[in-house]
């Protein structure tokens, strides 16, 4: 499999009045995303009748609307274990059409009205999409020949200067991150691990799906239990930094957000906004729960990285508090996305939350 190049564009940091992450001259957070996302029209076994839960489609559209706040180093899609994917089309090609064409069509308007967006963002298909391989406990992953998307993150991190930090957003199972950590430990590349911070969505929760006795009994951890256990142990042992968001995206951002077609139809002023709404619209609102990983990274929308430990733990009281903070900030999060969707689609003069 030939990896498509990741294209990033250097731009002057743009300060938004609507609670931006970085001021002028401050570096943008570097981001790498591992997602189990795949084409939502492919039929499969999920409760939505798709191969994979389409919530990541909505989360990705939201990320693209916020892309001026980040330096996007890579996005890997279809990092999943669904056997149906062994014969499905190239999911990077799908993502580069589905998201890429919409983004390219609207990036000029986004830069005119907001600024700081890269000219293009591209996607790569996961190395485990066709094999459905899971992490093997006890195996030493010294050779990454079979894992080009793991190798790509390793190479990207290696090229970063000392002190740089890549935020690895984990939206599905932890197979590829676990293989990378295993490889770095086996090859004594602790310098690489110092440049990585893993921010995971719902691989632990004693309040939602999981129980106090078994907080690991949640979908994204069960998907590859061995990888999940290895990553959590590595975090407890201080080998990696692992931010566990738990279910605060689902129970906070989504659960506390606006409801009804009247509100969400306004997103359809543009292509990215339309993808955001149509990715997964259920129970009267959009399910983009994985977006918690980048809203906590921004840190100005209720929950920040300071509110979550970096050792992979997620105590019930902490998760409950962060859930409530996101519920209280959910309307502001959605309004921010809506303004950007309109700015992208209509080319109108962008107005921040703090402007009259």
Protein backbone atom coordinates (compact mmCIF):
# COMPACT_ATOMS: atom_id res chain seq x y z
CA UNK A 1 0.00 0.00 0.00
CA UNK A 2 1.41 3.37 -1.01
CA UNK A 3 0.89 6.07 1.56
CA UNK A 4 -0.62 9.29 0.32
CA UNK A 5 1.40 12.34 1.39
CA UNK A 6 0.16 14.37 4.29
CA UNK A 7 -0.09 17.99 3.23
CA UNK A 8 0.15 20.73 5.77
CA UNK A 9 0.45 24.44 5.22
CA UNK A 10 2.31 26.84 7.45
CA UNK A 11 0.18 29.85 8.28
CA UNK A 12 0.25 32.76 10.65
CA UNK A 13 -1.73 31.92 13.77
CA UNK A 14 -5.11 33.68 13.65
CA UNK A 15 -6.66 34.84 16.88
CA UNK A 16 -10.43 34.44 17.10
CA UNK A 17 -12.47 36.33 19.63
CA UNK A 18 -14.51 33.16 20.11
CA UNK A 19 -12.06 31.69 22.62
CA UNK A 20 -9.16 30.65 20.35
CA UNK A 21 -6.54 28.15 21.47
CA UNK A 22 -3.48 30.17 20.53
CA UNK A 23 -2.74 33.85 20.38
CA UNK A 24 -0.70 35.48 17.63
CA UNK A 25 2.68 33.81 17.32
CA UNK A 26 1.84 30.83 19.53
CA UNK A 27 2.28 27.40 17.92
CA UNK A 28 -0.80 25.41 17.02
CA UNK A 29 -1.21 21.96 18.59
CA UNK A 30 0.19 19.24 16.33
CA UNK A 31 -2.40 16.54 15.66
CA UNK A 32 -2.44 13.00 14.31
CA UNK A 33 -5.77 11.14 14.18
CA UNK A 34 -6.47 7.40 14.24
CA UNK A 35 -10.12 6.81 13.34
CA UNK A 36 -12.19 3.70 12.69
CA UNK A 37 -14.26 5.81 10.29
CA UNK A 38 -15.27 4.39 6.93
CA UNK A 39 -17.75 5.10 4.14
CA UNK A 40 -21.19 5.42 5.71
CA UNK A 41 -22.88 3.95 2.64
CA UNK A 42 -21.18 0.59 3.12
CA UNK A 43 -23.64 -1.84 4.65
CA UNK A 44 -22.65 -3.64 7.82
CA UNK A 45 -23.59 -4.94 11.27
CA UNK A 46 -23.76 -1.77 13.38
CA UNK A 47 -27.00 -0.45 14.84
CA UNK A 48 -26.94 2.10 12.01
CA UNK A 49 -26.66 -0.63 9.38
CA UNK A 50 -23.13 0.46 8.46
CA UNK A 51 -19.74 -1.26 8.63
CA UNK A 52 -18.56 1.23 11.25
CA UNK A 53 -20.46 3.63 13.49
CA UNK A 54 -20.69 6.85 11.41
CA UNK A 55 -20.21 9.17 14.39
CA UNK A 56 -16.59 9.73 13.32
CA UNK A 57 -17.87 11.18 10.04
CA UNK A 58 -19.58 13.97 11.94
CA UNK A 59 -16.59 14.37 14.26
CA UNK A 60 -14.25 14.67 11.27
CA UNK A 61 -16.40 17.32 9.59
CA UNK A 62 -16.31 19.27 12.83
CA UNK A 63 -12.54 18.90 12.97
CA UNK A 64 -12.16 20.27 9.45
CA UNK A 65 -14.29 23.27 10.38
CA UNK A 66 -11.89 23.85 13.30
CA UNK A 67 -8.74 22.95 11.32
CA UNK A 68 -7.22 26.43 11.52
CA UNK A 69 -6.67 25.81 15.22
CA UNK A 70 -4.38 22.80 14.62
CA UNK A 71 -1.36 21.68 12.64
CA UNK A 72 -2.65 18.47 11.10
CA UNK A 73 0.18 16.00 10.53
CA UNK A 74 -1.85 12.95 9.50
CA UNK A 75 -5.27 11.32 9.53
CA UNK A 76 -5.60 7.54 9.33
CA UNK A 77 -9.05 6.14 8.53
CA UNK A 78 -10.57 2.65 8.72
CA UNK A 79 -8.35 1.66 11.63
CA UNK A 80 -10.84 -1.03 12.51
CA UNK A 81 -11.34 -4.78 12.81
CA UNK A 82 -14.50 -5.26 10.78
CA UNK A 83 -14.14 -8.33 8.58
CA UNK A 84 -16.41 -6.67 6.02
CA UNK A 85 -13.55 -4.29 5.21
CA UNK A 86 -11.33 -7.00 3.76
CA UNK A 87 -12.87 -6.45 0.35
CA UNK A 88 -14.17 -2.89 0.54
CA UNK A 89 -12.70 -0.11 -1.65
CA UNK A 90 -9.77 2.04 -0.55
CA UNK A 91 -11.15 4.08 2.32
CA UNK A 92 -8.51 6.78 1.95
CA UNK A 93 -9.77 7.37 -1.58
CA UNK A 94 -13.31 7.63 -0.19
CA UNK A 95 -12.27 10.06 2.56
CA UNK A 96 -10.25 12.21 0.17
CA UNK A 97 -13.37 12.49 -2.00
CA UNK A 98 -15.98 12.82 0.72
CA UNK A 99 -14.13 15.26 2.96
CA UNK A 100 -11.34 16.45 0.71
CA UNK A 101 -13.55 17.77 -2.07
CA UNK A 102 -15.80 19.57 0.40
CA UNK A 103 -12.84 21.08 2.24
CA UNK A 104 -11.11 22.25 -0.93
CA UNK A 105 -14.36 23.79 -2.14
CA UNK A 106 -14.76 25.82 1.04
CA UNK A 107 -11.23 26.53 2.28
CA UNK A 108 -11.00 29.83 0.36
CA UNK A 109 -14.12 31.15 2.08
CA UNK A 110 -12.88 29.87 5.44
CA UNK A 111 -9.58 31.67 4.96
CA UNK A 112 -11.29 34.83 3.75
CA UNK A 113 -13.63 34.99 6.71
CA UNK A 114 -11.57 33.35 9.46
CA UNK A 115 -8.02 32.59 8.30
CA UNK A 116 -5.27 30.11 9.10
CA UNK A 117 -6.62 27.02 7.32
CA UNK A 118 -4.19 24.72 5.45
CA UNK A 119 -4.74 24.53 1.70
CA UNK A 120 -5.45 20.81 1.89
CA UNK A 121 -5.82 17.97 4.38
CA UNK A 122 -5.45 14.41 3.18
CA UNK A 123 -6.30 10.96 4.53
CA UNK A 124 -4.54 7.58 4.56
CA UNK A 125 -6.04 4.10 4.85
CA UNK A 126 -5.06 2.10 7.93
CA UNK A 127 -2.68 -0.82 7.62
CA UNK A 128 -5.06 -3.02 9.65
CA UNK A 129 -8.19 -2.28 7.61
CA UNK A 130 -7.92 -5.39 5.43
CA UNK A 131 -6.20 -7.74 7.90
CA UNK A 132 -8.46 -6.94 10.91
CA UNK A 133 -5.37 -7.64 12.99
CA UNK A 134 -5.46 -7.10 16.73
CA UNK A 135 -2.59 -6.48 19.11
CA UNK A 136 -0.86 -9.66 20.26
CA UNK A 137 0.11 -9.67 23.93
CA UNK A 138 3.70 -10.81 24.34
CA UNK A 139 4.69 -10.08 20.76
CA UNK A 140 7.59 -7.72 20.12
CA UNK A 141 6.77 -5.39 17.23
CA UNK A 142 10.35 -4.57 16.29
CA UNK A 143 9.62 -4.84 12.55
CA UNK A 144 7.01 -2.38 11.25
CA UNK A 145 7.12 -3.51 7.62
CA UNK A 146 3.52 -4.73 7.81
CA UNK A 147 2.35 -1.56 9.54
CA UNK A 148 3.03 1.43 7.24
CA UNK A 149 0.61 3.78 8.99
CA UNK A 150 2.34 3.02 12.29
CA UNK A 151 5.70 3.58 10.61
CA UNK A 152 4.43 6.87 9.20
CA UNK A 153 3.62 8.25 12.66
CA UNK A 154 6.99 7.03 13.92
CA UNK A 155 8.77 8.80 11.04
CA UNK A 156 6.74 11.97 11.58
CA UNK A 157 7.56 12.05 15.29
CA UNK A 158 11.24 11.33 14.63
CA UNK A 159 11.47 14.39 12.37
CA UNK A 160 9.97 16.69 14.99
CA UNK A 161 12.47 18.79 16.95
CA UNK A 162 13.23 18.06 20.58
CA UNK A 163 10.45 19.40 22.77
CA UNK A 164 7.77 19.04 20.08
CA UNK A 165 4.57 17.23 20.99
CA UNK A 166 2.18 15.38 18.69
CA UNK A 167 -1.33 14.85 20.04
CA UNK A 168 -2.49 11.43 18.85
CA UNK A 169 -6.31 11.48 18.88
CA UNK A 170 -7.66 7.95 19.26
CA UNK A 171 -11.24 7.61 17.97
CA UNK A 172 -11.51 3.83 17.89
CA UNK A 173 -9.53 0.80 18.96
CA UNK A 174 -5.95 1.22 20.16
CA UNK A 175 -4.27 -1.37 17.95
CA UNK A 176 -1.99 0.94 15.99
CA UNK A 177 -1.00 3.14 18.97
CA UNK A 178 -0.18 -0.01 20.97
CA UNK A 179 1.99 -1.39 18.18
CA UNK A 180 3.85 1.93 18.02
CA UNK A 181 4.47 2.07 21.77
CA UNK A 182 5.58 -1.57 21.80
CA UNK A 183 8.00 -0.86 18.95
CA UNK A 184 9.48 2.19 20.64
CA UNK A 185 10.03 0.30 23.89
CA UNK A 186 11.55 -2.69 22.06
CA UNK A 187 13.89 -0.50 20.00
CA UNK A 188 14.67 1.87 22.87
CA UNK A 189 13.12 4.87 21.10
CA UNK A 190 11.93 6.60 24.22
CA UNK A 191 12.85 9.88 22.52
CA UNK A 192 9.91 9.28 20.17
CA UNK A 193 7.48 8.54 22.99
CA UNK A 194 8.44 11.83 24.64
CA UNK A 195 7.06 13.56 21.52
CA UNK A 196 3.67 11.82 21.70
CA UNK A 197 0.58 12.44 23.83
CA UNK A 198 -2.37 10.10 23.34
CA UNK A 199 -5.88 11.55 23.80
CA UNK A 200 -8.50 8.82 23.70
CA UNK A 201 -12.24 8.82 23.41
CA UNK A 202 -14.16 6.40 25.61
CA UNK A 203 -11.68 3.58 26.21
CA UNK A 204 -12.66 3.65 29.88
CA UNK A 205 -15.74 4.67 31.81
CA UNK A 206 -17.24 3.49 35.08
CA UNK A 207 -20.35 5.60 34.42
CA UNK A 208 -21.26 4.92 30.78
CA UNK A 209 -21.24 1.35 29.38
CA UNK A 210 -18.57 0.30 31.86
CA UNK A 211 -19.00 -0.25 35.59
CA UNK A 212 -16.91 0.71 38.64
CA UNK A 213 -15.67 -2.89 38.73
CA UNK A 214 -14.96 -3.02 34.98
CA UNK A 215 -14.50 0.48 33.55
CA UNK A 216 -12.71 -1.10 30.58
CA UNK A 217 -15.96 -2.76 29.47
CA UNK A 218 -16.64 -0.14 26.80
CA UNK A 219 -16.76 -0.52 23.03
CA UNK A 220 -13.47 1.14 22.08
CA UNK A 221 -11.58 -0.92 24.66
CA UNK A 222 -13.36 -4.21 23.93
CA UNK A 223 -12.62 -3.77 20.23
CA UNK A 224 -8.99 -4.67 20.97
CA UNK A 225 -8.82 -5.47 24.67
CA UNK A 226 -5.15 -6.47 24.58
CA UNK A 227 -4.10 -3.18 22.95
CA UNK A 228 -6.22 -1.23 25.42
CA UNK A 229 -4.71 -3.03 28.41
CA UNK A 230 -1.19 -2.48 27.10
CA UNK A 231 -1.72 1.24 26.57
CA UNK A 232 -3.29 1.69 30.00
CA UNK A 233 -0.44 -0.21 31.68
CA UNK A 234 2.12 1.83 29.76
CA UNK A 235 0.43 4.99 31.02
CA UNK A 236 0.32 3.76 34.61
CA UNK A 237 4.03 2.88 34.37
CA UNK A 238 4.85 6.37 33.14
CA UNK A 239 6.04 5.19 29.71
CA UNK A 240 3.47 7.28 27.81
CA UNK A 241 1.09 10.18 28.40
CA UNK A 242 -2.47 9.01 27.93
CA UNK A 243 -5.44 11.33 28.37
CA UNK A 244 -8.65 9.34 28.91
CA UNK A 245 -11.71 11.42 28.04
CA UNK A 246 -14.16 8.67 28.87
CA UNK A 247 -17.71 9.26 27.61
CA UNK A 248 -17.77 13.03 28.14
CA UNK A 249 -18.11 13.64 24.40
CA UNK A 250 -21.25 11.53 24.24
CA UNK A 251 -22.81 12.43 27.56
CA UNK A 252 -21.57 16.02 27.62
CA UNK A 253 -21.12 17.57 24.18
CA UNK A 254 -23.76 15.47 22.42
CA UNK A 255 -26.13 14.87 25.30
CA UNK A 256 -26.11 18.50 26.41
CA UNK A 257 -26.33 20.03 22.96
CA UNK A 258 -29.10 21.63 20.90
CA UNK A 259 -31.78 19.38 19.46
CA UNK A 260 -34.08 19.51 16.50
CA UNK A 261 -33.91 19.83 12.73
CA UNK A 262 -34.62 23.55 12.86
CA UNK A 263 -31.23 24.17 14.51
CA UNK A 264 -29.15 21.62 12.62
CA UNK A 265 -30.58 22.34 9.16
CA UNK A 266 -28.83 25.71 9.37
CA UNK A 267 -25.51 23.84 9.08
CA UNK A 268 -26.46 22.86 5.55
CA UNK A 269 -25.46 26.29 4.28
CA UNK A 270 -22.22 24.59 3.23
CA UNK A 271 -20.78 21.22 2.29
CA UNK A 272 -18.76 20.62 5.44
CA UNK A 273 -21.72 21.60 7.60
CA UNK A 274 -23.93 19.22 5.65
CA UNK A 275 -21.48 16.34 6.19
CA UNK A 276 -21.40 17.21 9.90
CA UNK A 277 -25.18 16.91 10.20
CA UNK A 278 -25.70 13.95 7.90
CA UNK A 279 -22.80 11.86 9.22
CA UNK A 280 -24.82 10.64 12.18
CA UNK A 281 -28.02 12.44 13.09
CA UNK A 282 -29.94 10.51 15.75
CA UNK A 283 -32.32 11.38 18.59
CA UNK A 284 -32.70 14.91 17.26
CA UNK A 285 -29.03 15.88 17.25
CA UNK A 286 -25.62 15.10 15.77
CA UNK A 287 -23.49 12.37 17.32
CA UNK A 288 -19.91 13.62 17.09
CA UNK A 289 -18.79 12.31 20.45
CA UNK A 290 -15.16 11.65 19.42
CA UNK A 291 -14.78 15.40 18.99
CA UNK A 292 -14.19 15.60 22.75
CA UNK A 293 -10.55 14.75 21.99
CA UNK A 294 -9.96 17.99 20.11
CA UNK A 295 -12.21 20.23 22.22
CA UNK A 296 -10.21 19.26 25.34
CA UNK A 297 -7.05 20.00 23.36
CA UNK A 298 -8.34 23.50 22.57
CA UNK A 299 -9.14 23.84 26.25
CA UNK A 300 -11.48 26.83 26.06
CA UNK A 301 -14.81 25.05 25.81
CA UNK A 302 -15.48 23.70 29.28
CA UNK A 303 -12.88 20.96 29.64
CA UNK A 304 -9.12 21.23 29.17
CA UNK A 305 -6.20 18.83 29.45
CA UNK A 306 -5.65 20.21 32.95
CA UNK A 307 -8.93 18.56 33.97
CA UNK A 308 -7.79 15.04 32.99
CA UNK A 309 -4.85 13.01 34.30
CA UNK A 310 -2.17 11.89 31.84
CA UNK A 311 -1.80 8.40 33.33
CA UNK A 312 -4.85 6.89 31.63
CA UNK A 313 -7.07 6.98 34.71
CA UNK A 314 -10.65 8.23 34.67
CA UNK A 315 -12.14 8.36 38.18
CA UNK A 316 -15.97 8.52 38.29
CA UNK A 317 -16.00 11.90 40.04
CA UNK A 318 -13.66 13.40 37.43
CA UNK A 319 -15.65 12.02 34.52
CA UNK A 320 -18.90 13.30 36.06
CA UNK A 321 -17.44 16.78 36.57
CA UNK A 322 -16.06 16.93 33.02
CA UNK A 323 -19.33 15.66 31.60
CA UNK A 324 -21.15 18.51 33.31
CA UNK A 325 -18.62 21.09 32.09
CA UNK A 326 -19.12 19.95 28.52
CA UNK A 327 -22.90 19.96 28.91
CA UNK A 328 -22.72 23.57 30.05
CA UNK A 329 -20.47 24.46 27.09
CA UNK A 330 -22.22 22.36 24.46
CA UNK A 331 -24.39 25.14 23.04
CA UNK A 332 -21.34 27.34 22.62
CA UNK A 333 -19.44 24.49 20.91
CA UNK A 334 -22.28 23.90 18.46
CA UNK A 335 -22.78 27.61 17.81
CA UNK A 336 -19.06 27.90 17.00
CA UNK A 337 -19.33 25.05 14.50
CA UNK A 338 -22.48 26.58 13.03
CA UNK A 339 -20.81 29.95 12.47
CA UNK A 340 -17.93 28.27 10.70
CA UNK A 341 -20.24 26.10 8.60
CA UNK A 342 -22.05 29.24 7.43
CA UNK A 343 -18.78 31.08 6.83
CA UNK A 344 -17.54 28.18 4.71
CA UNK A 345 -20.70 27.77 2.69
CA UNK A 346 -21.94 31.29 2.20
CA UNK A 347 -18.75 33.29 2.28
CA UNK A 348 -20.28 35.84 4.63
CA UNK A 349 -18.21 37.97 6.96
CA UNK A 350 -17.35 35.79 9.97
CA UNK A 351 -18.61 37.07 13.30
CA UNK A 352 -17.21 35.59 16.51
CA UNK A 353 -19.20 34.72 19.61
CA UNK A 354 -18.02 37.87 21.39
CA UNK A 355 -18.91 40.29 18.61
CA UNK A 356 -22.31 42.04 18.56
